Amino acid sequence: MTASRMSFATATGTTVLSVTAVETGPITVMHVAGDLDMDTAPQFSRHIGEVVAGYRPAVLIVDLGQLEFLGAAGVTALLACVDVVNRAGGQLRLRRPSHPARLALRATRTLDLFDVEDGPDLR
């Protein structure tokens, strides 16, 4: 099992987004916590690209259970990640989207574009 971490902090040092990727064989689970918005979406997308390039997961599960805010840029980043993972021959799934994440995905009419699982946390 391999793990990588990424966090994005404001100028005052407050962490606004943290991502932990845990690779176990062909499955990588990314636990996302905080705010995925126009400030953090570019770093999130870069991290996804690095994880996909490094681990080449058959399945990338993005656990959104701890996401506190999902903005339009975050939704766009998630949609772009589907493409990145698919081009690498994998599949992306969203796990346990938080209430704010579900609201944003429903409001943008993109929830049905993702494979969503509400299963247990498999940390």
N, C-alpha and C. Protein backbone atom coordinates (compact mmCIF):
# COMPACT_ATOMS: atom_id res chain seq x y z
N MET A 1 0.86 -1.17 0.00
CA MET A 1 0.00 0.00 0.00
C MET A 1 0.90 1.23 0.00
N THR A 2 0.56 2.18 -0.87
CA THR A 2 1.31 3.41 -1.00
C THR A 2 0.36 4.58 -0.77
N ALA A 3 0.83 5.65 -0.14
CA ALA A 3 -0.01 6.82 0.11
C ALA A 3 0.73 8.09 -0.31
N SER A 4 -0.05 9.06 -0.80
CA SER A 4 0.50 10.38 -1.09
C SER A 4 -0.48 11.41 -0.57
N ARG A 5 0.04 12.59 -0.22
CA ARG A 5 -0.80 13.65 0.34
C ARG A 5 -0.53 14.97 -0.37
N MET A 6 -1.58 15.77 -0.46
CA MET A 6 -1.48 17.10 -1.03
C MET A 6 -2.41 17.98 -0.22
N SER A 7 -1.96 19.18 0.10
CA SER A 7 -2.85 20.13 0.78
C SER A 7 -2.62 21.51 0.20
N PHE A 8 -3.66 22.31 0.25
CA PHE A 8 -3.61 23.67 -0.25
C PHE A 8 -4.00 24.58 0.90
N ALA A 9 -3.16 25.56 1.20
CA ALA A 9 -3.40 26.47 2.32
C ALA A 9 -3.51 27.90 1.82
N THR A 10 -4.23 28.71 2.57
CA THR A 10 -4.34 30.14 2.28
C THR A 10 -3.05 30.83 2.71
N ALA A 11 -2.95 32.11 2.41
CA ALA A 11 -1.77 32.90 2.79
C ALA A 11 -1.57 32.92 4.30
N THR A 12 -2.65 32.76 5.06
CA THR A 12 -2.54 32.75 6.52
C THR A 12 -2.18 31.38 7.07
N GLY A 13 -2.04 30.39 6.18
CA GLY A 13 -1.66 29.05 6.61
C GLY A 13 -2.81 28.11 6.89
N THR A 14 -4.04 28.56 6.70
CA THR A 14 -5.20 27.72 6.93
C THR A 14 -5.37 26.74 5.77
N THR A 15 -5.42 25.46 6.05
CA THR A 15 -5.61 24.45 5.01
C THR A 15 -7.05 24.49 4.55
N VAL A 16 -7.25 24.63 3.24
CA VAL A 16 -8.60 24.68 2.70
C VAL A 16 -8.95 23.43 1.90
N LEU A 17 -7.94 22.67 1.49
CA LEU A 17 -8.18 21.41 0.78
C LEU A 17 -7.05 20.45 1.10
N SER A 18 -7.42 19.24 1.44
CA SER A 18 -6.40 18.20 1.60
C SER A 18 -6.87 16.96 0.86
N VAL A 19 -5.91 16.30 0.23
CA VAL A 19 -6.19 15.10 -0.55
C VAL A 19 -5.17 14.04 -0.15
N THR A 20 -5.67 12.88 0.20
CA THR A 20 -4.80 11.75 0.51
C THR A 20 -5.16 10.63 -0.45
N ALA A 21 -4.17 10.15 -1.19
CA ALA A 21 -4.38 9.04 -2.12
C ALA A 21 -3.74 7.80 -1.53
N VAL A 22 -4.53 6.73 -1.47
CA VAL A 22 -4.05 5.46 -0.94
C VAL A 22 -4.19 4.43 -2.05
N GLU A 23 -3.05 3.88 -2.48
CA GLU A 23 -3.03 2.91 -3.57
C GLU A 23 -2.91 1.52 -2.99
N THR A 24 -3.84 0.66 -3.36
CA THR A 24 -3.79 -0.75 -2.97
C THR A 24 -4.03 -1.58 -4.21
N GLY A 25 -2.96 -1.95 -4.87
CA GLY A 25 -3.07 -2.73 -6.10
C GLY A 25 -3.71 -1.92 -7.20
N PRO A 26 -4.75 -2.47 -7.84
CA PRO A 26 -5.35 -1.78 -8.98
C PRO A 26 -6.33 -0.66 -8.59
N ILE A 27 -6.57 -0.50 -7.30
CA ILE A 27 -7.53 0.51 -6.83
C ILE A 27 -6.80 1.59 -6.04
N THR A 28 -7.07 2.83 -6.37
CA THR A 28 -6.56 3.96 -5.60
C THR A 28 -7.75 4.74 -5.07
N VAL A 29 -7.74 5.02 -3.78
CA VAL A 29 -8.80 5.81 -3.15
C VAL A 29 -8.21 7.16 -2.77
N MET A 30 -8.85 8.22 -3.24
CA MET A 30 -8.45 9.58 -2.88
C MET A 30 -9.49 10.16 -1.93
N HIS A 31 -9.04 10.48 -0.72
CA HIS A 31 -9.92 11.09 0.27
C HIS A 31 -9.74 12.61 0.16
N VAL A 32 -10.84 13.30 -0.13
CA VAL A 32 -10.80 14.75 -0.36
C VAL A 32 -11.55 15.43 0.78
N ALA A 33 -10.91 16.41 1.42
CA ALA A 33 -11.54 17.13 2.53
C ALA A 33 -11.33 18.62 2.36
N GLY A 34 -12.35 19.39 2.70
CA GLY A 34 -12.25 20.85 2.63
C GLY A 34 -13.07 21.43 1.51
N ASP A 35 -12.49 22.43 0.83
CA ASP A 35 -13.19 23.16 -0.23
C ASP A 35 -12.54 22.89 -1.58
N LEU A 36 -13.35 22.46 -2.53
CA LEU A 36 -12.88 22.28 -3.90
C LEU A 36 -13.56 23.36 -4.73
N ASP A 37 -12.80 24.43 -4.97
CA ASP A 37 -13.35 25.62 -5.62
C ASP A 37 -12.37 26.18 -6.63
N MET A 38 -12.58 27.40 -7.07
CA MET A 38 -11.72 27.97 -8.12
C MET A 38 -10.28 28.16 -7.64
N ASP A 39 -10.07 28.29 -6.35
CA ASP A 39 -8.72 28.44 -5.83
C ASP A 39 -7.98 27.11 -5.73
N THR A 40 -8.69 26.04 -5.42
CA THR A 40 -8.04 24.75 -5.19
C THR A 40 -8.17 23.76 -6.34
N ALA A 41 -9.10 23.99 -7.25
CA ALA A 41 -9.33 23.04 -8.36
C ALA A 41 -8.09 22.80 -9.22
N PRO A 42 -7.30 23.82 -9.57
CA PRO A 42 -6.11 23.55 -10.39
C PRO A 42 -5.11 22.60 -9.70
N GLN A 43 -4.88 22.79 -8.40
CA GLN A 43 -3.96 21.91 -7.67
C GLN A 43 -4.54 20.50 -7.58
N PHE A 44 -5.84 20.41 -7.36
CA PHE A 44 -6.52 19.11 -7.30
C PHE A 44 -6.36 18.38 -8.63
N SER A 45 -6.60 19.07 -9.73
CA SER A 45 -6.47 18.45 -11.05
C SER A 45 -5.04 17.97 -11.30
N ARG A 46 -4.08 18.79 -10.93
CA ARG A 46 -2.67 18.40 -11.09
C ARG A 46 -2.36 17.15 -10.28
N HIS A 47 -2.87 17.11 -9.06
CA HIS A 47 -2.62 15.96 -8.19
C HIS A 47 -3.25 14.70 -8.78
N ILE A 48 -4.46 14.81 -9.30
CA ILE A 48 -5.10 13.66 -9.95
C ILE A 48 -4.21 13.17 -11.09
N GLY A 49 -3.72 14.08 -11.91
CA GLY A 49 -2.85 13.71 -13.02
C GLY A 49 -1.61 12.98 -12.54
N GLU A 50 -1.01 13.45 -11.45
CA GLU A 50 0.17 12.81 -10.90
C GLU A 50 -0.15 11.41 -10.37
N VAL A 51 -1.28 11.28 -9.70
CA VAL A 51 -1.69 9.98 -9.16
C VAL A 51 -1.94 8.99 -10.29
N VAL A 52 -2.65 9.44 -11.31
CA VAL A 52 -2.95 8.56 -12.45
C VAL A 52 -1.66 8.16 -13.16
N ALA A 53 -0.76 9.11 -13.37
CA ALA A 53 0.51 8.81 -14.04
C ALA A 53 1.39 7.89 -13.19
N GLY A 54 1.37 8.08 -11.88
CA GLY A 54 2.23 7.29 -11.00
C GLY A 54 1.71 5.91 -10.68
N TYR A 55 0.42 5.80 -10.36
CA TYR A 55 -0.14 4.53 -9.92
C TYR A 55 -0.83 3.75 -11.04
N ARG A 56 -1.30 4.46 -12.07
CA ARG A 56 -2.04 3.82 -13.18
C ARG A 56 -3.17 2.94 -12.65
N PRO A 57 -4.06 3.49 -11.80
CA PRO A 57 -5.09 2.65 -11.20
C PRO A 57 -6.14 2.20 -12.22
N ALA A 58 -6.59 0.97 -12.06
CA ALA A 58 -7.70 0.48 -12.87
C ALA A 58 -8.98 1.20 -12.44
N VAL A 59 -9.06 1.46 -11.13
CA VAL A 59 -10.20 2.18 -10.57
C VAL A 59 -9.66 3.27 -9.64
N LEU A 60 -10.09 4.50 -9.88
CA LEU A 60 -9.76 5.61 -8.99
C LEU A 60 -11.05 6.03 -8.31
N ILE A 61 -11.09 5.86 -7.00
CA ILE A 61 -12.26 6.23 -6.21
C ILE A 61 -11.96 7.55 -5.53
N VAL A 62 -12.79 8.55 -5.79
CA VAL A 62 -12.63 9.86 -5.17
C VAL A 62 -13.68 9.97 -4.07
N ASP A 63 -13.23 9.86 -2.83
CA ASP A 63 -14.12 9.89 -1.67
C ASP A 63 -14.37 11.35 -1.30
N LEU A 64 -15.61 11.78 -1.46
CA LEU A 64 -16.00 13.17 -1.20
C LEU A 64 -16.76 13.32 0.12
N GLY A 65 -16.65 12.33 0.98
CA GLY A 65 -17.40 12.35 2.24
C GLY A 65 -17.03 13.49 3.17
N GLN A 66 -15.82 14.02 3.05
CA GLN A 66 -15.37 15.11 3.92
C GLN A 66 -15.31 16.45 3.19
N LEU A 67 -15.87 16.51 1.98
CA LEU A 67 -15.85 17.76 1.23
C LEU A 67 -16.88 18.71 1.82
N GLU A 68 -16.44 19.91 2.17
CA GLU A 68 -17.31 20.89 2.80
C GLU A 68 -17.94 21.85 1.80
N PHE A 69 -17.27 22.05 0.66
CA PHE A 69 -17.78 22.96 -0.37
C PHE A 69 -17.31 22.47 -1.73
N LEU A 70 -18.21 22.47 -2.69
CA LEU A 70 -17.88 22.12 -4.06
C LEU A 70 -18.42 23.22 -4.97
N GLY A 71 -17.51 23.99 -5.54
CA GLY A 71 -17.88 25.07 -6.43
C GLY A 71 -17.91 24.60 -7.88
N ALA A 72 -18.30 25.50 -8.76
CA ALA A 72 -18.38 25.17 -10.19
C ALA A 72 -17.03 24.73 -10.75
N ALA A 73 -15.95 25.37 -10.32
CA ALA A 73 -14.62 24.98 -10.78
C ALA A 73 -14.27 23.58 -10.28
N GLY A 74 -14.73 23.23 -9.10
CA GLY A 74 -14.51 21.89 -8.57
C GLY A 74 -15.26 20.84 -9.37
N VAL A 75 -16.50 21.15 -9.73
CA VAL A 75 -17.29 20.24 -10.57
C VAL A 75 -16.58 20.04 -11.90
N THR A 76 -16.11 21.13 -12.49
CA THR A 76 -15.38 21.05 -13.77
C THR A 76 -14.13 20.20 -13.61
N ALA A 77 -13.42 20.37 -12.50
CA ALA A 77 -12.21 19.57 -12.25
C ALA A 77 -12.55 18.09 -12.14
N LEU A 78 -13.63 17.75 -11.46
CA LEU A 78 -14.03 16.35 -11.35
C LEU A 78 -14.38 15.76 -12.71
N LEU A 79 -15.09 16.55 -13.53
CA LEU A 79 -15.42 16.07 -14.88
C LEU A 79 -14.17 15.85 -15.72
N ALA A 80 -13.21 16.76 -15.60
CA ALA A 80 -11.95 16.61 -16.34
C ALA A 80 -11.18 15.38 -15.85
N CYS A 81 -11.28 15.08 -14.56
CA CYS A 81 -10.60 13.92 -14.01
C CYS A 81 -11.14 12.62 -14.59
N VAL A 82 -12.44 12.58 -14.84
CA VAL A 82 -13.02 11.40 -15.48
C VAL A 82 -12.31 11.15 -16.80
N ASP A 83 -12.10 12.20 -17.57
CA ASP A 83 -11.43 12.07 -18.87
C ASP A 83 -9.99 11.61 -18.70
N VAL A 84 -9.27 12.17 -17.74
CA VAL A 84 -7.87 11.80 -17.50
C VAL A 84 -7.77 10.32 -17.14
N VAL A 85 -8.64 9.87 -16.25
CA VAL A 85 -8.61 8.47 -15.81
C VAL A 85 -9.02 7.55 -16.97
N ASN A 86 -10.04 7.92 -17.71
CA ASN A 86 -10.48 7.09 -18.85
C ASN A 86 -9.38 6.97 -19.90
N ARG A 87 -8.69 8.07 -20.21
CA ARG A 87 -7.61 8.02 -21.20
C ARG A 87 -6.48 7.11 -20.75
N ALA A 88 -6.30 6.97 -19.45
CA ALA A 88 -5.26 6.09 -18.91
C ALA A 88 -5.75 4.64 -18.81
N GLY A 89 -6.98 4.40 -19.25
CA GLY A 89 -7.52 3.04 -19.23
C GLY A 89 -8.20 2.65 -17.94
N GLY A 90 -8.48 3.63 -17.10
CA GLY A 90 -9.11 3.35 -15.81
C GLY A 90 -10.54 3.84 -15.75
N GLN A 91 -11.10 3.72 -14.57
CA GLN A 91 -12.47 4.15 -14.31
C GLN A 91 -12.48 5.00 -13.05
N LEU A 92 -13.24 6.10 -13.05
CA LEU A 92 -13.35 6.96 -11.88
C LEU A 92 -14.71 6.78 -11.25
N ARG A 93 -14.71 6.67 -9.94
CA ARG A 93 -15.96 6.60 -9.17
C ARG A 93 -15.92 7.64 -8.07
N LEU A 94 -17.07 8.19 -7.76
CA LEU A 94 -17.20 9.07 -6.60
C LEU A 94 -17.77 8.24 -5.46
N ARG A 95 -17.18 8.39 -4.27
CA ARG A 95 -17.68 7.67 -3.10
C ARG A 95 -18.21 8.66 -2.08
N ARG A 96 -19.36 8.34 -1.55
CA ARG A 96 -19.98 9.05 -0.43
C ARG A 96 -19.95 10.57 -0.55
N PRO A 97 -20.44 11.14 -1.64
CA PRO A 97 -20.42 12.61 -1.74
C PRO A 97 -21.13 13.23 -0.54
N SER A 98 -20.50 14.22 0.06
CA SER A 98 -21.09 14.94 1.19
C SER A 98 -22.35 15.66 0.71
N HIS A 99 -23.13 16.12 1.66
CA HIS A 99 -24.35 16.86 1.31
C HIS A 99 -24.04 18.07 0.41
N PRO A 100 -23.04 18.91 0.77
CA PRO A 100 -22.72 20.04 -0.11
C PRO A 100 -22.27 19.59 -1.51
N ALA A 101 -21.54 18.49 -1.58
CA ALA A 101 -21.09 18.00 -2.89
C ALA A 101 -22.28 17.52 -3.72
N ARG A 102 -23.19 16.78 -3.09
CA ARG A 102 -24.39 16.31 -3.82
C ARG A 102 -25.23 17.49 -4.31
N LEU A 103 -25.38 18.51 -3.46
CA LEU A 103 -26.15 19.68 -3.87
C LEU A 103 -25.54 20.34 -5.10
N ALA A 104 -24.23 20.51 -5.09
CA ALA A 104 -23.55 21.14 -6.24
C ALA A 104 -23.66 20.29 -7.49
N LEU A 105 -23.49 18.98 -7.35
CA LEU A 105 -23.59 18.09 -8.52
C LEU A 105 -25.01 18.05 -9.07
N ARG A 106 -25.99 18.09 -8.17
CA ARG A 106 -27.39 18.13 -8.64
C ARG A 106 -27.70 19.48 -9.30
N ALA A 107 -27.24 20.56 -8.68
CA ALA A 107 -27.52 21.90 -9.22
C ALA A 107 -26.92 22.09 -10.61
N THR A 108 -25.78 21.46 -10.84
CA THR A 108 -25.13 21.58 -12.15
C THR A 108 -25.56 20.46 -13.10
N ARG A 109 -26.46 19.62 -12.63
CA ARG A 109 -26.99 18.50 -13.43
C ARG A 109 -25.88 17.58 -13.94
N THR A 110 -24.90 17.36 -13.07
CA THR A 110 -23.78 16.49 -13.45
C THR A 110 -23.70 15.22 -12.61
N LEU A 111 -24.52 15.09 -11.59
CA LEU A 111 -24.45 13.93 -10.71
C LEU A 111 -24.57 12.63 -11.50
N ASP A 112 -25.47 12.60 -12.48
CA ASP A 112 -25.68 11.39 -13.27
C ASP A 112 -24.53 11.08 -14.23
N LEU A 113 -23.58 12.00 -14.36
CA LEU A 113 -22.43 11.76 -15.24
C LEU A 113 -21.33 10.95 -14.53
N PHE A 114 -21.50 10.74 -13.23
CA PHE A 114 -20.51 10.02 -12.44
C PHE A 114 -21.06 8.68 -11.97
N ASP A 115 -20.15 7.75 -11.81
CA ASP A 115 -20.46 6.49 -11.16
C ASP A 115 -20.31 6.77 -9.66
N VAL A 116 -21.43 6.74 -8.92
CA VAL A 116 -21.42 7.14 -7.51
C VAL A 116 -21.72 5.91 -6.67
N GLU A 117 -20.88 5.71 -5.65
CA GLU A 117 -21.13 4.64 -4.70
C GLU A 117 -21.24 5.24 -3.30
N ASP A 118 -22.15 4.70 -2.54
CA ASP A 118 -22.35 5.19 -1.18
C ASP A 118 -21.93 4.15 -0.17
N GLY A 119 -20.92 3.37 -0.52
CA GLY A 119 -20.45 2.28 0.31
C GLY A 119 -19.66 2.75 1.51
N PRO A 120 -19.13 1.77 2.25
CA PRO A 120 -18.38 2.10 3.48
C PRO A 120 -17.06 2.75 3.16
N ASP A 121 -16.53 3.42 4.16
CA ASP A 121 -15.21 4.04 4.05
C ASP A 121 -14.18 2.92 4.18
N LEU A 122 -13.36 2.74 3.18
CA LEU A 122 -12.39 1.65 3.16
C LEU A 122 -10.97 2.12 3.39
N ARG A 123 -10.75 3.03 4.29
CA ARG A 123 -9.40 3.54 4.56
C ARG A 123 -8.50 2.43 5.01
